[in-house]
């Protein structure tokens, strides 16, 4: 149904004129199928839109004459919101977040850094990985390369390196770009999995702590009921024969 005026409750309609709100006497009209209809008087263009049950929407007010499109205004707003959302995604893709590693990084800290990188990649941001060598660490650069390569391998379901890790001065640098959404794994925070577990296809998270050797620790021995600090626990209660 054609509407002579935009709804007053619409916040985005104040920048777009439709139907009777258009001020020009003549407009260049684009048809409902995208075809050029030429320059028409405003009244004729509005009548043509009304005959199709849609609206005349001004899309280029600064042109001479202004350019209008025959389209359903609700559909037009939906398409415009979709384009704005896509443009915001590209703005996110231009942002770069940095993650710093070290050759002797603790496994827990490594996991935290990995989780942060996955969060950034899932938000369509690039991640710059830097590793700084200090002191005698320069004599064993291979450990630094191993840490960066392991990081790139663990983050592979969410992003790919733009180039191989480069040694610049006293540090290693690598840049990771997010994979397309249809090829990217889900964020482990959404599924409750750890990043390493999320790489397994369809396997549920184990949530079991690991020891330094990578083995599952033995289950704790059952604790006897009673006081936590029983002063009589060490007494021999056996009665001699």
C-alpha atoms as a PDB file:
ATOM      1  CA  UNK A   1       0.000   0.000   0.000  1.00  0.00           C
ATOM      2  CA  UNK A   2       1.298   3.415  -0.935  1.00  0.00           C
ATOM      3  CA  UNK A   3       1.999   5.880   1.870  1.00  0.00           C
ATOM      4  CA  UNK A   4       1.972   9.652   1.185  1.00  0.00           C
ATOM      5  CA  UNK A   5       4.278  10.406   4.131  1.00  0.00           C
ATOM      6  CA  UNK A   6       6.899   8.428   6.023  1.00  0.00           C
ATOM      7  CA  UNK A   7       6.056   7.178   9.471  1.00  0.00           C
ATOM      8  CA  UNK A   8       6.929   9.608  12.227  1.00  0.00           C
ATOM      9  CA  UNK A   9       8.251   6.806  14.443  1.00  0.00           C
ATOM     10  CA  UNK A  10      10.907   5.813  11.910  1.00  0.00           C
ATOM     11  CA  UNK A  11      14.316   7.196  12.893  1.00  0.00           C
ATOM     12  CA  UNK A  12      15.982   6.543   9.529  1.00  0.00           C
ATOM     13  CA  UNK A  13      13.187   8.035   7.384  1.00  0.00           C
ATOM     14  CA  UNK A  14      14.179  11.653   8.194  1.00  0.00           C
ATOM     15  CA  UNK A  15      17.032  11.411   5.673  1.00  0.00           C
ATOM     16  CA  UNK A  16      14.970   9.823   2.899  1.00  0.00           C
ATOM     17  CA  UNK A  17      12.040  11.551   1.223  1.00  0.00           C
ATOM     18  CA  UNK A  18       9.241   9.496  -0.281  1.00  0.00           C
ATOM     19  CA  UNK A  19       6.123  10.322  -2.275  1.00  0.00           C
ATOM     20  CA  UNK A  20       4.661  13.696  -1.289  1.00  0.00           C
ATOM     21  CA  UNK A  21       7.728  14.650   0.765  1.00  0.00           C
ATOM     22  CA  UNK A  22       9.854  14.963  -2.380  1.00  0.00           C
ATOM     23  CA  UNK A  23      10.357  18.664  -3.183  1.00  0.00           C
ATOM     24  CA  UNK A  24      11.479  18.650  -6.804  1.00  0.00           C
ATOM     25  CA  UNK A  25       9.040  19.297  -9.644  1.00  0.00           C
ATOM     26  CA  UNK A  26      10.709  16.789 -11.958  1.00  0.00           C
ATOM     27  CA  UNK A  27      12.618  13.636 -11.067  1.00  0.00           C
ATOM     28  CA  UNK A  28      14.619  10.999 -12.895  1.00  0.00           C
ATOM     29  CA  UNK A  29      12.797   7.744 -12.256  1.00  0.00           C
ATOM     30  CA  UNK A  30      14.154   4.195 -11.934  1.00  0.00           C
ATOM     31  CA  UNK A  31      11.481   1.554 -12.392  1.00  0.00           C
ATOM     32  CA  UNK A  32      10.604  -1.268 -10.042  1.00  0.00           C
ATOM     33  CA  UNK A  33      12.710  -3.680 -12.139  1.00  0.00           C
ATOM     34  CA  UNK A  34      15.680  -1.295 -12.221  1.00  0.00           C
ATOM     35  CA  UNK A  35      14.969   0.070 -15.674  1.00  0.00           C
ATOM     36  CA  UNK A  36      15.394   3.750 -16.544  1.00  0.00           C
ATOM     37  CA  UNK A  37      12.035   5.501 -17.059  1.00  0.00           C
ATOM     38  CA  UNK A  38      13.498   8.922 -17.834  1.00  0.00           C
ATOM     39  CA  UNK A  39      12.574  12.315 -16.381  1.00  0.00           C
ATOM     40  CA  UNK A  40       8.965  12.618 -15.255  1.00  0.00           C
ATOM     41  CA  UNK A  41       6.913  15.200 -13.447  1.00  0.00           C
ATOM     42  CA  UNK A  42       6.732  14.426  -9.730  1.00  0.00           C
ATOM     43  CA  UNK A  43       2.952  13.939  -9.833  1.00  0.00           C
ATOM     44  CA  UNK A  44       3.214  11.485 -12.743  1.00  0.00           C
ATOM     45  CA  UNK A  45       5.991   9.537 -11.001  1.00  0.00           C
ATOM     46  CA  UNK A  46       3.958   9.277  -7.794  1.00  0.00           C
ATOM     47  CA  UNK A  47       0.868   8.101  -9.711  1.00  0.00           C
ATOM     48  CA  UNK A  48       2.946   5.464 -11.485  1.00  0.00           C
ATOM     49  CA  UNK A  49       4.273   4.183  -8.157  1.00  0.00           C
ATOM     50  CA  UNK A  50       0.771   4.158  -6.642  1.00  0.00           C
ATOM     51  CA  UNK A  51      -0.555   2.177  -9.586  1.00  0.00           C
ATOM     52  CA  UNK A  52       1.965  -0.558  -8.693  1.00  0.00           C
ATOM     53  CA  UNK A  53       1.119  -0.397  -4.990  1.00  0.00           C
ATOM     54  CA  UNK A  54       4.597   0.785  -3.968  1.00  0.00           C
ATOM     55  CA  UNK A  55       6.371   4.082  -3.190  1.00  0.00           C
ATOM     56  CA  UNK A  56       8.472   6.682  -4.940  1.00  0.00           C
ATOM     57  CA  UNK A  57      11.713   6.948  -2.942  1.00  0.00           C
ATOM     58  CA  UNK A  58      14.311   9.694  -3.451  1.00  0.00           C
ATOM     59  CA  UNK A  59      17.736   8.034  -3.557  1.00  0.00           C
ATOM     60  CA  UNK A  60      19.922  10.869  -4.940  1.00  0.00           C
ATOM     61  CA  UNK A  61      18.553  14.221  -3.754  1.00  0.00           C
ATOM     62  CA  UNK A  62      21.630  16.211  -4.840  1.00  0.00           C
ATOM     63  CA  UNK A  63      21.425  15.139  -8.483  1.00  0.00           C
ATOM     64  CA  UNK A  64      19.893  17.409 -11.160  1.00  0.00           C
ATOM     65  CA  UNK A  65      17.119  16.425 -11.360  1.00  0.00           C
ATOM     66  CA  UNK A  66      16.900  14.244  -8.221  1.00  0.00           C
ATOM     67  CA  UNK A  67      16.906  10.497  -8.807  1.00  0.00           C
ATOM     68  CA  UNK A  68      13.944   8.526  -7.454  1.00  0.00           C
ATOM     69  CA  UNK A  69      13.225   4.843  -7.417  1.00  0.00           C
ATOM     70  CA  UNK A  70       9.878   3.062  -7.577  1.00  0.00           C
ATOM     71  CA  UNK A  71      10.127   0.499  -4.801  1.00  0.00           C
ATOM     72  CA  UNK A  72       8.387  -0.698  -1.654  1.00  0.00           C
ATOM     73  CA  UNK A  73       9.673   1.581   1.115  1.00  0.00           C
ATOM     74  CA  UNK A  74       9.883  -1.241   3.666  1.00  0.00           C
ATOM     75  CA  UNK A  75      11.994  -3.317   1.273  1.00  0.00           C
ATOM     76  CA  UNK A  76      14.154  -0.273   0.533  1.00  0.00           C
ATOM     77  CA  UNK A  77      14.872   0.282   4.233  1.00  0.00           C
ATOM     78  CA  UNK A  78      15.712  -3.406   4.712  1.00  0.00           C
ATOM     79  CA  UNK A  79      18.201  -3.355   1.815  1.00  0.00           C
ATOM     80  CA  UNK A  80      19.754  -0.139   3.114  1.00  0.00           C
ATOM     81  CA  UNK A  81      20.178  -1.590   6.618  1.00  0.00           C
ATOM     82  CA  UNK A  82      21.774  -4.692   5.109  1.00  0.00           C
ATOM     83  CA  UNK A  83      24.257  -2.576   3.140  1.00  0.00           C
ATOM     84  CA  UNK A  84      25.130  -0.590   6.268  1.00  0.00           C
ATOM     85  CA  UNK A  85      25.771  -3.813   8.166  1.00  0.00           C
ATOM     86  CA  UNK A  86      28.076  -5.102   5.432  1.00  0.00           C
ATOM     87  CA  UNK A  87      30.020  -1.828   5.412  1.00  0.00           C
ATOM     88  CA  UNK A  88      30.522  -2.081   9.186  1.00  0.00           C
ATOM     89  CA  UNK A  89      31.933  -5.589   8.691  1.00  0.00           C
ATOM     90  CA  UNK A  90      34.520  -4.218   6.280  1.00  0.00           C
ATOM     91  CA  UNK A  91      35.433  -1.534   8.813  1.00  0.00           C
ATOM     92  CA  UNK A  92      36.056  -4.284  11.400  1.00  0.00           C
ATOM     93  CA  UNK A  93      38.230  -6.142   8.916  1.00  0.00           C
ATOM     94  CA  UNK A  94      40.533  -3.126   8.745  1.00  0.00           C
ATOM     95  CA  UNK A  95      41.198  -3.271  12.501  1.00  0.00           C
ATOM     96  CA  UNK A  96      44.335  -5.069  13.692  1.00  0.00           C
ATOM     97  CA  UNK A  97      44.740  -6.533  17.181  1.00  0.00           C
ATOM     98  CA  UNK A  98      48.126  -7.577  18.542  1.00  0.00           C
ATOM     99  CA  UNK A  99      48.944 -10.738  20.499  1.00  0.00           C
ATOM    100  CA  UNK A 100      52.389 -11.009  22.108  1.00  0.00           C
ATOM    101  CA  UNK A 101      54.143 -14.311  22.748  1.00  0.00           C
ATOM    102  CA  UNK A 102      57.504 -15.331  24.213  1.00  0.00           C
ATOM    103  CA  UNK A 103      59.752 -18.350  23.573  1.00  0.00           C
ATOM    104  CA  UNK A 104      59.157 -19.630  27.134  1.00  0.00           C
ATOM    105  CA  UNK A 105      55.464 -18.774  27.430  1.00  0.00           C
ATOM    106  CA  UNK A 106      53.483 -20.784  29.970  1.00  0.00           C
ATOM    107  CA  UNK A 107      50.949 -23.224  28.427  1.00  0.00           C
ATOM    108  CA  UNK A 108      48.096 -21.531  30.303  1.00  0.00           C
ATOM    109  CA  UNK A 109      49.155 -18.094  29.071  1.00  0.00           C
ATOM    110  CA  UNK A 110      49.457 -19.531  25.578  1.00  0.00           C
ATOM    111  CA  UNK A 111      45.857 -20.740  25.787  1.00  0.00           C
ATOM    112  CA  UNK A 112      44.667 -17.320  26.977  1.00  0.00           C
ATOM    113  CA  UNK A 113      46.447 -15.587  24.088  1.00  0.00           C
ATOM    114  CA  UNK A 114      44.939 -18.112  21.676  1.00  0.00           C
ATOM    115  CA  UNK A 115      41.425 -17.486  23.010  1.00  0.00           C
ATOM    116  CA  UNK A 116      41.854 -13.728  22.580  1.00  0.00           C
ATOM    117  CA  UNK A 117      43.052 -14.198  19.000  1.00  0.00           C
ATOM    118  CA  UNK A 118      40.054 -16.414  18.194  1.00  0.00           C
ATOM    119  CA  UNK A 119      37.695 -13.780  19.612  1.00  0.00           C
ATOM    120  CA  UNK A 120      39.261 -11.105  17.398  1.00  0.00           C
ATOM    121  CA  UNK A 121      39.100 -13.300  14.284  1.00  0.00           C
ATOM    122  CA  UNK A 122      35.453 -14.168  14.940  1.00  0.00           C
ATOM    123  CA  UNK A 123      34.759 -10.422  14.979  1.00  0.00           C
ATOM    124  CA  UNK A 124      36.393 -10.114  11.522  1.00  0.00           C
ATOM    125  CA  UNK A 125      39.529  -8.417  12.831  1.00  0.00           C
ATOM    126  CA  UNK A 126      43.089  -9.175  11.826  1.00  0.00           C
ATOM    127  CA  UNK A 127      45.558 -10.428  14.430  1.00  0.00           C
ATOM    128  CA  UNK A 128      49.244  -9.513  14.516  1.00  0.00           C
ATOM    129  CA  UNK A 129      51.376 -12.063  16.356  1.00  0.00           C
ATOM    130  CA  UNK A 130      54.657 -10.773  17.764  1.00  0.00           C
ATOM    131  CA  UNK A 131      57.334 -12.713  19.652  1.00  0.00           C
ATOM    132  CA  UNK A 132      60.259 -10.853  21.236  1.00  0.00           C
ATOM    133  CA  UNK A 133      63.629 -12.464  21.921  1.00  0.00           C
ATOM    134  CA  UNK A 134      65.475 -11.256  25.005  1.00  0.00           C
ATOM    135  CA  UNK A 135      69.062 -11.853  26.084  1.00  0.00           C
ATOM    136  CA  UNK A 136      70.271 -15.377  25.461  1.00  0.00           C
ATOM    137  CA  UNK A 137      67.023 -16.328  23.754  1.00  0.00           C
ATOM    138  CA  UNK A 138      68.572 -14.949  20.558  1.00  0.00           C
ATOM    139  CA  UNK A 139      70.914 -17.948  20.526  1.00  0.00           C
ATOM    140  CA  UNK A 140      67.934 -20.324  20.250  1.00  0.00           C
ATOM    141  CA  UNK A 141      65.560 -18.702  17.808  1.00  0.00           C
ATOM    142  CA  UNK A 142      64.157 -22.098  16.848  1.00  0.00           C
ATOM    143  CA  UNK A 143      62.094 -22.153  20.062  1.00  0.00           C
ATOM    144  CA  UNK A 144      60.461 -18.884  19.074  1.00  0.00           C
ATOM    145  CA  UNK A 145      59.655 -20.189  15.613  1.00  0.00           C
ATOM    146  CA  UNK A 146      58.124 -23.304  17.181  1.00  0.00           C
ATOM    147  CA  UNK A 147      55.847 -21.219  19.406  1.00  0.00           C
ATOM    148  CA  UNK A 148      54.635 -19.058  16.531  1.00  0.00           C
ATOM    149  CA  UNK A 149      54.087 -22.049  14.248  1.00  0.00           C
ATOM    150  CA  UNK A 150      52.117 -23.816  16.980  1.00  0.00           C
ATOM    151  CA  UNK A 151      50.000 -20.677  17.450  1.00  0.00           C
ATOM    152  CA  UNK A 152      49.291 -20.492  13.705  1.00  0.00           C
ATOM    153  CA  UNK A 153      48.402 -24.183  13.647  1.00  0.00           C
ATOM    154  CA  UNK A 154      45.994 -23.909  16.594  1.00  0.00           C
ATOM    155  CA  UNK A 155      44.264 -20.829  15.169  1.00  0.00           C
ATOM    156  CA  UNK A 156      43.918 -22.323  11.654  1.00  0.00           C
ATOM    157  CA  UNK A 157      40.146 -23.118  11.922  1.00  0.00           C
ATOM    158  CA  UNK A 158      39.485 -19.372  12.362  1.00  0.00           C
ATOM    159  CA  UNK A 159      42.220 -17.594  10.385  1.00  0.00           C
ATOM    160  CA  UNK A 160      45.102 -18.015   7.976  1.00  0.00           C
ATOM    161  CA  UNK A 161      48.519 -16.305   7.975  1.00  0.00           C
ATOM    162  CA  UNK A 162      49.089 -13.667   5.321  1.00  0.00           C
ATOM    163  CA  UNK A 163      52.771 -14.618   5.190  1.00  0.00           C
ATOM    164  CA  UNK A 164      55.258 -16.903   6.890  1.00  0.00           C
ATOM    165  CA  UNK A 165      56.644 -15.655  10.248  1.00  0.00           C
ATOM    166  CA  UNK A 166      59.377 -13.111   9.625  1.00  0.00           C
ATOM    167  CA  UNK A 167      62.354 -12.346  11.841  1.00  0.00           C
ATOM    168  CA  UNK A 168      62.687  -8.568  12.078  1.00  0.00           C
ATOM    169  CA  UNK A 169      65.397  -7.361  14.442  1.00  0.00           C
ATOM    170  CA  UNK A 170      64.903  -9.147  17.755  1.00  0.00           C
ATOM    171  CA  UNK A 171      61.368 -10.317  17.114  1.00  0.00           C
ATOM    172  CA  UNK A 172      59.148 -12.566  15.022  1.00  0.00           C
ATOM    173  CA  UNK A 173      56.079 -11.155  13.297  1.00  0.00           C
ATOM    174  CA  UNK A 174      53.097 -12.819  11.640  1.00  0.00           C
ATOM    175  CA  UNK A 175      49.755 -11.472  10.436  1.00  0.00           C
ATOM    176  CA  UNK A 176      46.554 -13.562  10.583  1.00  0.00           C
ATOM    177  CA  UNK A 177      43.432 -12.741   8.573  1.00  0.00           C
ATOM    178  CA  UNK A 178      39.995 -14.156   9.462  1.00  0.00           C
ATOM    179  CA  UNK A 179      38.548 -16.894   7.298  1.00  0.00           C
ATOM    180  CA  UNK A 180      35.216 -16.259   5.520  1.00  0.00           C
ATOM    181  CA  UNK A 181      32.244 -16.831   7.781  1.00  0.00           C
ATOM    182  CA  UNK A 182      31.053 -19.877   5.846  1.00  0.00           C
ATOM    183  CA  UNK A 183      34.468 -21.547   6.236  1.00  0.00           C
ATOM    184  CA  UNK A 184      35.241 -20.403   9.784  1.00  0.00           C
ATOM    185  CA  UNK A 185      34.705 -22.578  12.844  1.00  0.00           C
ATOM    186  CA  UNK A 186      32.369 -21.346  15.550  1.00  0.00           C
ATOM    187  CA  UNK A 187      33.781 -19.407  18.456  1.00  0.00           C
ATOM    188  CA  UNK A 188      34.592 -21.923  21.229  1.00  0.00           C
ATOM    189  CA  UNK A 189      33.057 -19.519  23.774  1.00  0.00           C
ATOM    190  CA  UNK A 190      29.671 -20.092  22.140  1.00  0.00           C
ATOM    191  CA  UNK A 191      29.940 -23.879  22.425  1.00  0.00           C
ATOM    192  CA  UNK A 192      31.702 -24.027  25.806  1.00  0.00           C
ATOM    193  CA  UNK A 193      34.724 -25.800  24.320  1.00  0.00           C
ATOM    194  CA  UNK A 194      38.402 -25.099  24.676  1.00  0.00           C
ATOM    195  CA  UNK A 195      40.145 -23.900  21.476  1.00  0.00           C
ATOM    196  CA  UNK A 196      42.046 -27.185  21.096  1.00  0.00           C
ATOM    197  CA  UNK A 197      38.836 -29.200  21.544  1.00  0.00           C
ATOM    198  CA  UNK A 198      36.978 -27.047  19.050  1.00  0.00           C
ATOM    199  CA  UNK A 199      39.341 -28.224  16.304  1.00  0.00           C
ATOM    200  CA  UNK A 200      37.975 -31.763  16.656  1.00  0.00           C
ATOM    201  CA  UNK A 201      35.009 -32.324  14.363  1.00  0.00           C
ATOM    202  CA  UNK A 202      31.866 -32.939  16.321  1.00  0.00           C
ATOM    203  CA  UNK A 203      33.600 -34.159  19.472  1.00  0.00           C
ATOM    204  CA  UNK A 204      32.182 -32.882  22.785  1.00  0.00           C
ATOM    205  CA  UNK A 205      34.489 -31.005  25.151  1.00  0.00           C
ATOM    206  CA  UNK A 206      36.192 -33.132  27.754  1.00  0.00           C
ATOM    207  CA  UNK A 207      36.895 -30.382  30.324  1.00  0.00           C
ATOM    208  CA  UNK A 208      39.581 -32.534  31.999  1.00  0.00           C
ATOM    209  CA  UNK A 209      42.720 -30.912  33.428  1.00  0.00           C
ATOM    210  CA  UNK A 210      46.024 -32.057  31.973  1.00  0.00           C
ATOM    211  CA  UNK A 211      49.338 -32.532  33.665  1.00  0.00           C
ATOM    212  CA  UNK A 212      52.638 -31.183  32.347  1.00  0.00           C
ATOM    213  CA  UNK A 213      53.328 -34.491  30.599  1.00  0.00           C
ATOM    214  CA  UNK A 214      49.974 -34.330  28.784  1.00  0.00           C
ATOM    215  CA  UNK A 215      48.489 -37.272  30.738  1.00  0.00           C
ATOM    216  CA  UNK A 216      45.201 -37.200  32.599  1.00  0.00           C
ATOM    217  CA  UNK A 217      45.815 -37.075  36.364  1.00  0.00           C
ATOM    218  CA  UNK A 218      44.643 -39.929  38.542  1.00  0.00           C
ATOM    219  CA  UNK A 219      41.310 -39.396  40.278  1.00  0.00           C
ATOM    220  CA  UNK A 220      41.654 -38.090  43.846  1.00  0.00           C
ATOM    221  CA  UNK A 221      41.417 -40.619  46.638  1.00  0.00           C
ATOM    222  CA  UNK A 222      38.118 -40.599  48.535  1.00  0.00           C
ATOM    223  CA  UNK A 223      38.269 -38.549  51.721  1.00  0.00           C
ATOM    224  CA  UNK A 224      36.966 -40.113  54.950  1.00  0.00           C
ATOM    225  CA  UNK A 225      33.894 -38.552  56.459  1.00  0.00           C
ATOM    226  CA  UNK A 226      34.292 -36.499  59.622  1.00  0.00           C
ATOM    227  CA  UNK A 227      36.357 -33.497  60.642  1.00  0.00           C
ATOM    228  CA  UNK A 228      38.815 -32.091  58.147  1.00  0.00           C
ATOM    229  CA  UNK A 229      41.576 -31.862  60.789  1.00  0.00           C
ATOM    230  CA  UNK A 230      40.970 -34.869  63.048  1.00  0.00           C
ATOM    231  CA  UNK A 231      43.604 -34.949  65.841  1.00  0.00           C
ATOM    232  CA  UNK A 232      42.909 -38.682  66.449  1.00  0.00           C
ATOM    233  CA  UNK A 233      43.378 -39.746  62.801  1.00  0.00           C
ATOM    234  CA  UNK A 234      46.969 -40.949  63.407  1.00  0.00           C
ATOM    235  CA  UNK A 235      46.168 -43.034  66.512  1.00  0.00           C
ATOM    236  CA  UNK A 236      46.258 -46.817  66.311  1.00  0.00           C
ATOM    237  CA  UNK A 237      42.787 -47.925  67.328  1.00  0.00           C
ATOM    238  CA  UNK A 238      43.519 -51.673  67.037  1.00  0.00           C
ATOM    239  CA  UNK A 239      43.207 -53.560  70.298  1.00  0.00           C
ATOM    240  CA  UNK A 240      45.978 -56.085  70.928  1.00  0.00           C
ATOM    241  CA  UNK A 241      45.085 -59.723  71.521  1.00  0.00           C
END
